[in-house]
N, C-alpha and C. Protein backbone atom coordinates (compact mmCIF):
# COMPACT_ATOMS: atom_id res chain seq x y z
N MET A 1 0.87 -1.21 -0.09
CA MET A 1 0.04 0.13 -0.37
C MET A 1 0.98 1.03 0.01
N LYS A 2 0.80 2.10 -0.81
CA LYS A 2 1.31 3.33 -0.97
C LYS A 2 0.96 4.68 -0.13
N LEU A 3 1.65 4.89 0.66
CA LEU A 3 1.80 6.06 1.69
C LEU A 3 1.59 7.31 0.95
N ILE A 4 0.67 8.18 1.12
CA ILE A 4 0.39 9.23 0.48
C ILE A 4 0.87 10.70 1.04
N THR A 5 1.31 11.49 0.24
CA THR A 5 1.88 12.66 1.30
C THR A 5 0.62 13.55 1.75
N LYS A 6 1.34 14.60 2.16
CA LYS A 6 0.21 15.46 2.47
C LYS A 6 0.04 16.54 1.51
N GLU A 7 0.55 16.93 0.30
CA GLU A 7 0.21 17.51 -0.43
C GLU A 7 -1.01 16.88 -1.21
N GLU A 8 -0.49 15.24 -1.37
CA GLU A 8 -1.48 14.51 -2.23
C GLU A 8 -2.91 14.41 -1.21
N GLN A 9 -2.46 14.36 -0.37
CA GLN A 9 -4.07 14.45 0.84
C GLN A 9 -4.89 16.15 0.67
N TYR A 10 -3.79 16.91 0.68
CA TYR A 10 -4.61 18.13 0.63
C TYR A 10 -5.70 18.23 -0.88
N ARG A 11 -4.84 17.91 -2.05
CA ARG A 11 -5.10 18.06 -3.26
C ARG A 11 -6.46 17.31 -3.08
N SER A 12 -6.54 15.89 -3.14
CA SER A 12 -7.98 15.12 -2.78
C SER A 12 -8.92 15.89 -1.99
N LEU A 13 -8.41 16.32 -0.86
CA LEU A 13 -9.58 16.91 0.14
C LEU A 13 -10.17 18.05 -0.51
N LEU A 14 -9.38 18.79 -1.49
CA LEU A 14 -9.78 20.20 -2.22
C LEU A 14 -11.07 19.56 -3.07
N LEU A 15 -10.54 18.43 -3.53
CA LEU A 15 -11.78 18.13 -4.86
C LEU A 15 -13.19 17.72 -3.68
N GLN A 16 -12.86 16.83 -2.38
CA GLN A 16 -14.15 16.83 -1.97
C GLN A 16 -14.80 18.14 -1.35
N ILE A 17 -13.94 18.84 -0.79
CA ILE A 17 -14.76 20.04 -0.39
C ILE A 17 -15.08 20.95 -1.36
N HIS A 18 -14.66 20.81 -2.66
CA HIS A 18 -15.42 21.64 -3.88
C HIS A 18 -16.62 21.04 -4.03
N GLU A 19 -16.68 19.69 -4.09
CA GLU A 19 -18.24 19.01 -4.09
C GLU A 19 -19.00 19.30 -3.16
N LEU A 20 -18.76 19.35 -1.98
CA LEU A 20 -19.42 19.43 -1.03
C LEU A 20 -20.02 20.92 -0.85
N THR A 21 -19.13 22.07 -1.08
CA THR A 21 -19.70 23.29 -1.19
C THR A 21 -20.43 24.03 -2.33
N LYS A 22 -19.87 23.31 -3.76
CA LYS A 22 -20.34 23.85 -5.01
C LYS A 22 -21.62 24.24 -5.10
N ASP A 23 -22.70 23.69 -4.66
CA ASP A 23 -24.04 24.04 -4.74
C ASP A 23 -24.59 24.43 -3.38
N GLU A 24 -23.90 24.81 -2.51
CA GLU A 24 -24.82 25.39 -1.24
C GLU A 24 -24.08 26.85 -0.94
N PRO A 25 -25.03 28.02 -1.00
CA PRO A 25 -25.03 29.10 -1.16
C PRO A 25 -24.73 29.90 0.48
N ASP A 26 -24.88 28.84 1.35
CA ASP A 26 -24.85 29.35 2.87
C ASP A 26 -23.30 29.08 3.31
N LEU A 27 -22.95 30.13 3.53
CA LEU A 27 -21.56 29.91 4.18
C LEU A 27 -21.37 29.26 5.51
N ILE A 28 -22.14 29.55 6.37
CA ILE A 28 -22.46 28.79 7.66
C ILE A 28 -22.13 27.16 7.54
N ALA A 29 -23.32 26.83 6.56
CA ALA A 29 -22.93 25.73 6.14
C ALA A 29 -21.80 25.02 5.32
N ASN A 30 -21.14 25.88 4.96
CA ASN A 30 -19.90 25.41 3.98
C ASN A 30 -19.12 25.70 4.68
N LEU A 31 -18.91 26.23 5.54
CA LEU A 31 -17.49 26.34 7.14
C LEU A 31 -17.80 24.94 7.88
N ALA A 32 -18.79 25.16 8.15
CA ALA A 32 -19.14 23.60 8.84
C ALA A 32 -18.87 22.59 8.14
N ASN A 33 -18.92 21.99 7.11
CA ASN A 33 -18.44 20.98 6.40
C ASN A 33 -16.97 20.69 6.35
N ILE A 34 -15.92 22.50 5.79
CA ILE A 34 -15.00 22.39 5.60
C ILE A 34 -14.23 22.18 7.07
N ALA A 35 -14.40 22.39 8.14
CA ALA A 35 -13.99 21.84 9.39
C ALA A 35 -14.32 20.57 9.51
N ALA A 36 -15.28 20.01 9.14
CA ALA A 36 -15.57 18.49 9.46
C ALA A 36 -14.45 17.79 8.48
N ALA A 37 -14.30 18.14 7.44
CA ALA A 37 -13.56 17.75 6.50
C ALA A 37 -11.77 17.77 6.69
N LEU A 38 -11.88 18.83 7.06
CA LEU A 38 -10.34 19.03 7.83
C LEU A 38 -10.18 18.08 8.85
N LYS A 39 -10.83 18.39 10.01
CA LYS A 39 -10.65 17.39 11.23
C LYS A 39 -10.54 15.71 10.62
N GLN A 40 -11.81 15.14 9.73
CA GLN A 40 -11.97 13.78 9.52
C GLN A 40 -10.13 13.43 8.66
N ALA A 41 -9.90 14.19 7.68
CA ALA A 41 -8.76 14.26 6.89
C ALA A 41 -7.67 14.15 7.70
N PHE A 42 -7.26 15.05 8.51
CA PHE A 42 -5.69 15.12 8.80
C PHE A 42 -5.93 14.72 10.40
N GLY A 43 -6.80 14.51 11.32
CA GLY A 43 -7.13 14.32 12.39
C GLY A 43 -6.68 15.40 13.67
N PHE A 44 -6.49 16.88 13.29
CA PHE A 44 -6.16 17.72 13.84
C PHE A 44 -6.67 17.86 15.09
N PHE A 45 -6.16 18.34 16.17
CA PHE A 45 -6.79 18.39 17.60
C PHE A 45 -8.22 19.76 17.51
N TRP A 46 -7.79 20.68 16.92
CA TRP A 46 -9.21 21.51 16.91
C TRP A 46 -9.09 22.24 15.44
N VAL A 47 -10.19 22.24 14.69
CA VAL A 47 -10.56 22.82 13.51
C VAL A 47 -11.69 23.65 13.57
N GLY A 48 -11.28 25.28 13.46
CA GLY A 48 -12.88 25.96 13.44
C GLY A 48 -12.69 27.23 12.63
N PHE A 49 -13.69 28.12 12.72
CA PHE A 49 -13.58 29.03 11.94
C PHE A 49 -14.10 30.44 13.20
N TYR A 50 -13.76 31.41 12.96
CA TYR A 50 -14.09 32.69 13.81
C TYR A 50 -14.54 33.91 12.79
N ILE A 51 -15.87 34.47 12.78
CA ILE A 51 -16.35 35.29 12.31
C ILE A 51 -16.34 36.97 12.91
N ILE A 52 -15.67 37.78 12.10
CA ILE A 52 -15.91 39.09 12.47
C ILE A 52 -16.92 39.67 12.82
N LYS A 53 -17.65 39.94 13.65
CA LYS A 53 -18.58 40.51 14.12
C LYS A 53 -18.26 41.95 15.24
N GLU A 54 -18.52 43.04 14.52
CA GLU A 54 -18.12 44.24 15.11
C GLU A 54 -16.69 44.44 15.12
N LYS A 55 -16.27 44.26 16.27
CA LYS A 55 -14.50 44.93 16.52
C LYS A 55 -13.88 43.32 17.24
N GLU A 56 -14.95 42.00 17.01
CA GLU A 56 -14.13 40.98 17.70
C GLU A 56 -14.43 39.78 16.43
N LEU A 57 -13.58 38.80 16.95
CA LEU A 57 -13.58 37.37 16.03
C LEU A 57 -14.95 36.82 16.91
N VAL A 58 -16.23 36.18 16.38
CA VAL A 58 -16.59 35.44 17.06
C VAL A 58 -16.70 34.03 16.61
N LEU A 59 -16.52 32.84 17.59
CA LEU A 59 -16.58 31.32 17.24
C LEU A 59 -18.10 31.34 16.27
N ALA A 60 -17.51 30.31 15.38
CA ALA A 60 -18.35 30.10 13.86
C ALA A 60 -18.44 28.59 14.12
N PRO A 61 -18.81 27.92 13.14
CA PRO A 61 -18.50 26.44 12.91
C PRO A 61 -17.08 25.74 13.03
N PHE A 62 -17.05 24.59 14.32
CA PHE A 62 -15.80 23.79 14.55
C PHE A 62 -15.70 22.37 14.64
N GLN A 63 -15.08 21.92 14.83
CA GLN A 63 -14.76 20.61 14.99
C GLN A 63 -13.74 20.48 16.34
N GLY A 64 -13.98 19.71 17.14
CA GLY A 64 -13.13 19.64 18.58
C GLY A 64 -13.58 20.05 19.94
N PRO A 65 -12.73 20.03 20.74
CA PRO A 65 -13.00 20.58 22.51
C PRO A 65 -13.84 22.30 22.19
N VAL A 66 -14.17 22.39 23.20
CA VAL A 66 -15.03 23.68 23.55
C VAL A 66 -13.81 24.46 23.23
N ALA A 67 -14.37 25.64 22.80
CA ALA A 67 -13.39 27.04 22.73
C ALA A 67 -13.46 28.25 23.14
N CYS A 68 -12.65 29.01 22.74
CA CYS A 68 -12.73 30.69 22.98
C CYS A 68 -14.00 31.19 22.31
N THR A 69 -15.13 31.90 22.79
CA THR A 69 -16.18 32.39 22.01
C THR A 69 -15.63 33.62 21.41
N ARG A 70 -14.89 34.65 21.86
CA ARG A 70 -14.59 35.55 21.59
C ARG A 70 -13.56 35.88 21.66
N ILE A 71 -12.90 36.56 20.10
CA ILE A 71 -11.06 37.17 20.21
C ILE A 71 -11.09 38.13 19.59
N PRO A 72 -10.73 39.10 20.74
CA PRO A 72 -10.23 40.66 20.21
C PRO A 72 -9.25 40.82 19.10
N TYR A 73 -9.41 41.74 18.32
CA TYR A 73 -8.82 42.50 17.38
C TYR A 73 -7.29 42.72 17.76
N GLY A 74 -6.20 42.00 17.05
CA GLY A 74 -5.25 41.93 17.40
C GLY A 74 -4.62 41.17 18.74
N LYS A 75 -5.47 40.42 19.24
CA LYS A 75 -4.85 39.45 20.05
C LYS A 75 -4.73 37.90 19.88
N GLY A 76 -3.69 37.14 20.40
CA GLY A 76 -3.51 35.71 20.19
C GLY A 76 -3.38 35.61 18.42
N VAL A 77 -2.82 34.34 17.80
CA VAL A 77 -2.61 34.11 17.00
C VAL A 77 -4.20 34.73 15.95
N CYS A 78 -5.19 34.55 16.15
CA CYS A 78 -6.07 34.66 15.66
C CYS A 78 -6.53 35.98 15.12
N GLY A 79 -6.54 36.98 16.30
CA GLY A 79 -6.17 38.31 16.39
C GLY A 79 -5.22 38.97 15.68
N THR A 80 -3.79 38.65 15.79
CA THR A 80 -2.93 38.65 15.00
C THR A 80 -3.17 38.57 13.43
N ALA A 81 -3.64 37.20 13.13
CA ALA A 81 -3.67 37.03 11.57
C ALA A 81 -4.72 38.29 10.71
N TRP A 82 -5.95 38.28 11.59
CA TRP A 82 -6.57 39.63 11.31
C TRP A 82 -6.25 41.02 11.19
N LYS A 83 -5.16 41.05 11.98
CA LYS A 83 -4.62 42.61 12.17
C LYS A 83 -3.56 42.54 11.14
N GLU A 84 -3.01 41.57 10.88
CA GLU A 84 -1.72 41.62 9.69
C GLU A 84 -2.41 41.24 8.53
N ARG A 85 -3.37 40.66 8.32
CA ARG A 85 -3.99 40.06 7.19
C ARG A 85 -3.08 39.10 6.50
N ARG A 86 -2.56 38.34 7.31
CA ARG A 86 -2.06 37.30 6.30
C ARG A 86 -1.90 36.03 6.94
N THR A 87 -1.08 34.58 6.51
CA THR A 87 -1.57 33.73 7.27
C THR A 87 0.00 33.43 8.11
N ILE A 88 -0.43 32.63 9.58
CA ILE A 88 0.57 32.87 10.71
C ILE A 88 0.45 31.31 11.03
N ILE A 89 1.73 30.86 10.81
CA ILE A 89 2.14 29.21 11.31
C ILE A 89 2.92 29.68 12.46
N VAL A 90 2.24 29.10 13.65
CA VAL A 90 3.19 29.10 15.00
C VAL A 90 3.53 27.69 15.35
N PRO A 91 4.75 27.62 15.03
CA PRO A 91 5.57 25.97 15.65
C PRO A 91 5.13 25.42 17.23
N ASP A 92 5.23 26.73 18.19
CA ASP A 92 5.07 25.93 19.16
C ASP A 92 4.55 27.54 19.88
N VAL A 93 3.01 27.37 20.28
CA VAL A 93 1.88 28.04 21.05
C VAL A 93 2.41 28.96 21.95
N GLU A 94 3.10 28.56 22.83
CA GLU A 94 4.11 28.91 24.06
C GLU A 94 5.46 30.15 23.65
N GLN A 95 5.31 30.09 22.55
CA GLN A 95 6.56 30.96 22.51
C GLN A 95 5.68 32.00 21.44
N PHE A 96 4.42 32.33 21.20
CA PHE A 96 3.70 33.49 20.49
C PHE A 96 3.33 34.47 21.48
N PRO A 97 3.67 35.47 21.68
CA PRO A 97 3.48 36.44 22.44
C PRO A 97 1.92 36.50 22.58
N GLU A 98 1.31 36.85 23.74
CA GLU A 98 -0.07 36.67 24.06
C GLU A 98 -1.10 35.52 23.56
N HIS A 99 -0.26 34.77 23.35
CA HIS A 99 -1.21 33.42 22.65
C HIS A 99 -2.40 33.04 23.63
N ILE A 100 -3.41 32.98 23.55
CA ILE A 100 -4.74 33.11 23.78
C ILE A 100 -4.80 31.47 24.26
N ALA A 101 -4.67 31.28 25.44
CA ALA A 101 -5.09 29.08 25.55
C ALA A 101 -6.29 28.87 25.64
N CYS A 102 -6.95 28.66 25.02
CA CYS A 102 -8.05 27.93 24.95
C CYS A 102 -7.89 26.80 25.24
N ASN A 103 -7.07 25.82 24.98
CA ASN A 103 -6.95 24.30 25.75
C ASN A 103 -5.51 24.39 25.77
N SER A 104 -5.37 23.86 26.55
CA SER A 104 -3.78 23.73 27.39
C SER A 104 -3.17 22.33 26.30
N GLU A 105 -3.75 21.55 25.85
CA GLU A 105 -3.50 20.32 24.86
C GLU A 105 -2.77 21.07 23.93
N SER A 106 -3.12 22.16 23.17
CA SER A 106 -2.69 23.12 21.70
C SER A 106 -0.90 23.01 21.90
N GLU A 107 -0.42 22.71 20.92
CA GLU A 107 1.05 22.68 21.01
C GLU A 107 1.26 23.77 19.94
N SER A 108 1.07 23.50 18.61
CA SER A 108 0.76 24.29 16.87
C SER A 108 -0.29 24.61 16.53
N GLU A 109 -0.36 26.02 15.84
CA GLU A 109 -1.36 26.56 15.56
C GLU A 109 -1.22 27.00 13.96
N ILE A 110 -2.10 26.94 13.24
CA ILE A 110 -1.90 27.78 11.71
C ILE A 110 -3.16 28.71 11.81
N VAL A 111 -3.36 29.72 11.14
CA VAL A 111 -4.67 30.44 10.94
C VAL A 111 -4.48 31.25 9.71
N VAL A 112 -5.64 31.17 8.95
CA VAL A 112 -5.69 31.39 7.47
C VAL A 112 -6.78 32.28 7.53
N PRO A 113 -6.57 33.95 6.85
CA PRO A 113 -7.42 34.93 7.11
C PRO A 113 -8.66 34.69 6.18
N LEU A 114 -9.99 34.33 6.07
CA LEU A 114 -10.95 34.36 5.26
C LEU A 114 -10.93 35.96 4.30
N PHE A 115 -10.94 36.26 3.39
CA PHE A 115 -10.95 37.65 2.30
C PHE A 115 -12.48 37.38 1.67
N GLU A 116 -13.22 38.70 1.86
CA GLU A 116 -14.43 38.49 0.73
C GLU A 116 -14.64 40.17 0.45
N ASN A 117 -14.22 39.80 -0.96
CA ASN A 117 -14.19 41.04 -1.92
C ASN A 117 -13.03 41.84 -1.36
N GLY A 118 -11.82 41.51 -0.66
CA GLY A 118 -10.87 42.07 -0.38
C GLY A 118 -10.69 42.49 1.22
N SER A 119 -12.00 42.31 1.87
CA SER A 119 -12.15 42.60 3.25
C SER A 119 -12.01 41.31 4.23
N ILE A 120 -11.37 41.34 5.20
CA ILE A 120 -11.32 39.90 5.90
C ILE A 120 -13.03 39.97 6.58
N VAL A 121 -13.18 38.86 6.40
CA VAL A 121 -14.67 38.30 7.58
C VAL A 121 -14.46 37.31 8.15
N GLY A 122 -13.31 36.90 8.43
CA GLY A 122 -12.80 35.95 9.42
C GLY A 122 -11.65 35.05 9.42
N VAL A 123 -11.33 33.89 9.79
CA VAL A 123 -10.60 33.53 10.08
C VAL A 123 -10.57 31.79 10.40
N LEU A 124 -9.61 31.01 9.32
CA LEU A 124 -10.08 29.46 9.73
C LEU A 124 -8.63 29.47 10.97
N ASP A 125 -9.17 28.64 12.22
CA ASP A 125 -8.03 28.34 12.86
C ASP A 125 -8.16 27.31 13.25
N ILE A 126 -6.67 26.43 12.99
CA ILE A 126 -6.42 25.01 13.20
C ILE A 126 -5.30 24.57 14.46
N ASP A 127 -5.47 24.00 15.51
CA ASP A 127 -4.72 23.78 16.53
C ASP A 127 -4.18 22.08 16.01
N SER A 128 -3.21 21.61 16.83
CA SER A 128 -2.51 20.62 16.45
C SER A 128 -2.05 20.39 18.29
N ASN A 129 -2.06 19.30 18.79
CA ASN A 129 -1.68 18.82 20.06
C ASN A 129 -0.24 18.23 19.79
N ARG A 130 0.53 18.50 18.71
CA ARG A 130 1.81 18.33 18.44
C ARG A 130 2.35 19.24 18.18
N LEU A 131 3.71 19.69 18.38
CA LEU A 131 4.82 20.94 18.57
C LEU A 131 5.36 20.87 16.62
N ASN A 132 5.22 21.99 16.35
CA ASN A 132 5.86 22.51 14.77
C ASN A 132 4.72 21.23 13.80
N ASN A 133 3.46 21.34 14.09
CA ASN A 133 2.94 20.28 12.74
C ASN A 133 2.50 20.99 11.62
N PHE A 134 2.83 22.05 11.73
CA PHE A 134 2.20 23.06 10.19
C PHE A 134 3.25 23.74 9.53
N ASP A 135 3.59 23.52 8.45
CA ASP A 135 4.20 24.19 7.48
C ASP A 135 3.61 24.96 5.96
N GLU A 136 4.70 25.41 5.27
CA GLU A 136 3.98 25.81 4.06
C GLU A 136 3.38 25.00 3.20
N ILE A 137 3.10 23.77 3.27
CA ILE A 137 2.29 23.19 2.35
C ILE A 137 0.86 23.24 3.11
N ASP A 138 0.68 23.23 4.24
CA ASP A 138 -0.52 23.67 5.03
C ASP A 138 -1.00 24.84 4.46
N ALA A 139 -0.37 25.87 4.83
CA ALA A 139 -0.35 27.01 4.27
C ALA A 139 -1.23 27.12 2.68
N LYS A 140 -0.44 26.46 1.83
CA LYS A 140 -0.55 26.54 0.44
C LYS A 140 -2.04 26.08 0.46
N TYR A 141 -2.53 25.18 0.66
CA TYR A 141 -3.86 24.44 0.45
C TYR A 141 -4.90 25.02 1.20
N LEU A 142 -4.27 25.41 2.58
CA LEU A 142 -5.93 26.04 3.10
C LEU A 142 -6.19 27.30 2.69
N GLU A 143 -5.19 27.99 2.41
CA GLU A 143 -5.65 29.20 1.66
C GLU A 143 -6.66 28.85 0.31
N LYS A 144 -5.84 27.95 -0.71
CA LYS A 144 -6.53 27.44 -1.72
C LYS A 144 -8.24 26.87 -1.47
N ILE A 145 -8.30 26.29 0.09
CA ILE A 145 -9.63 25.93 -0.08
C ILE A 145 -10.58 26.53 0.40
N ILE A 146 -9.84 27.62 1.48
CA ILE A 146 -10.42 29.06 1.92
C ILE A 146 -11.17 29.57 0.71
N HIS A 147 -9.99 30.46 -0.21
CA HIS A 147 -10.52 31.09 -1.62
C HIS A 147 -11.36 29.84 -2.29
N SER A 148 -11.79 28.70 -2.11
CA SER A 148 -12.18 28.16 -3.08
C SER A 148 -13.65 28.18 -2.69
N VAL A 149 -14.45 28.80 -1.53
CA VAL A 149 -15.55 29.06 -1.00
C VAL A 149 -16.49 30.14 -0.77
N MET A 150 -15.30 31.27 -0.81
CA MET A 150 -15.39 32.59 -0.70
C MET A 150 -15.42 33.47 -1.79
């Protein structure tokens, strides 16, 4: 049996997510299916979305243990990704200034902003219970997944 690479797994998942979301206009429904598909495919500790409401990120569809409900602009990895308008990879969350510890089992994290018509409307947040679990392959394909539904 041939082992597939992470990149091959993402390519396959991208096709699956396209099929799940192509005919569904509801953003929340699509975000729910994306979170479930990512969690199932990779077994990440926590996968979810935060949507911008007024001046905070507010918890949206997710898979995993209970999470922080609101995150201020510029705070933690999610708030920083929002402020800086870019994907952030954190190999060790303990080394990230002002990291918001929603769960003590989180070891590494990646956050991808969701853009709609050039404005950030939220973020995809993925936590791992392993150090240094994310890299540029994750960033590349998670950005593609988000772009495919926004």
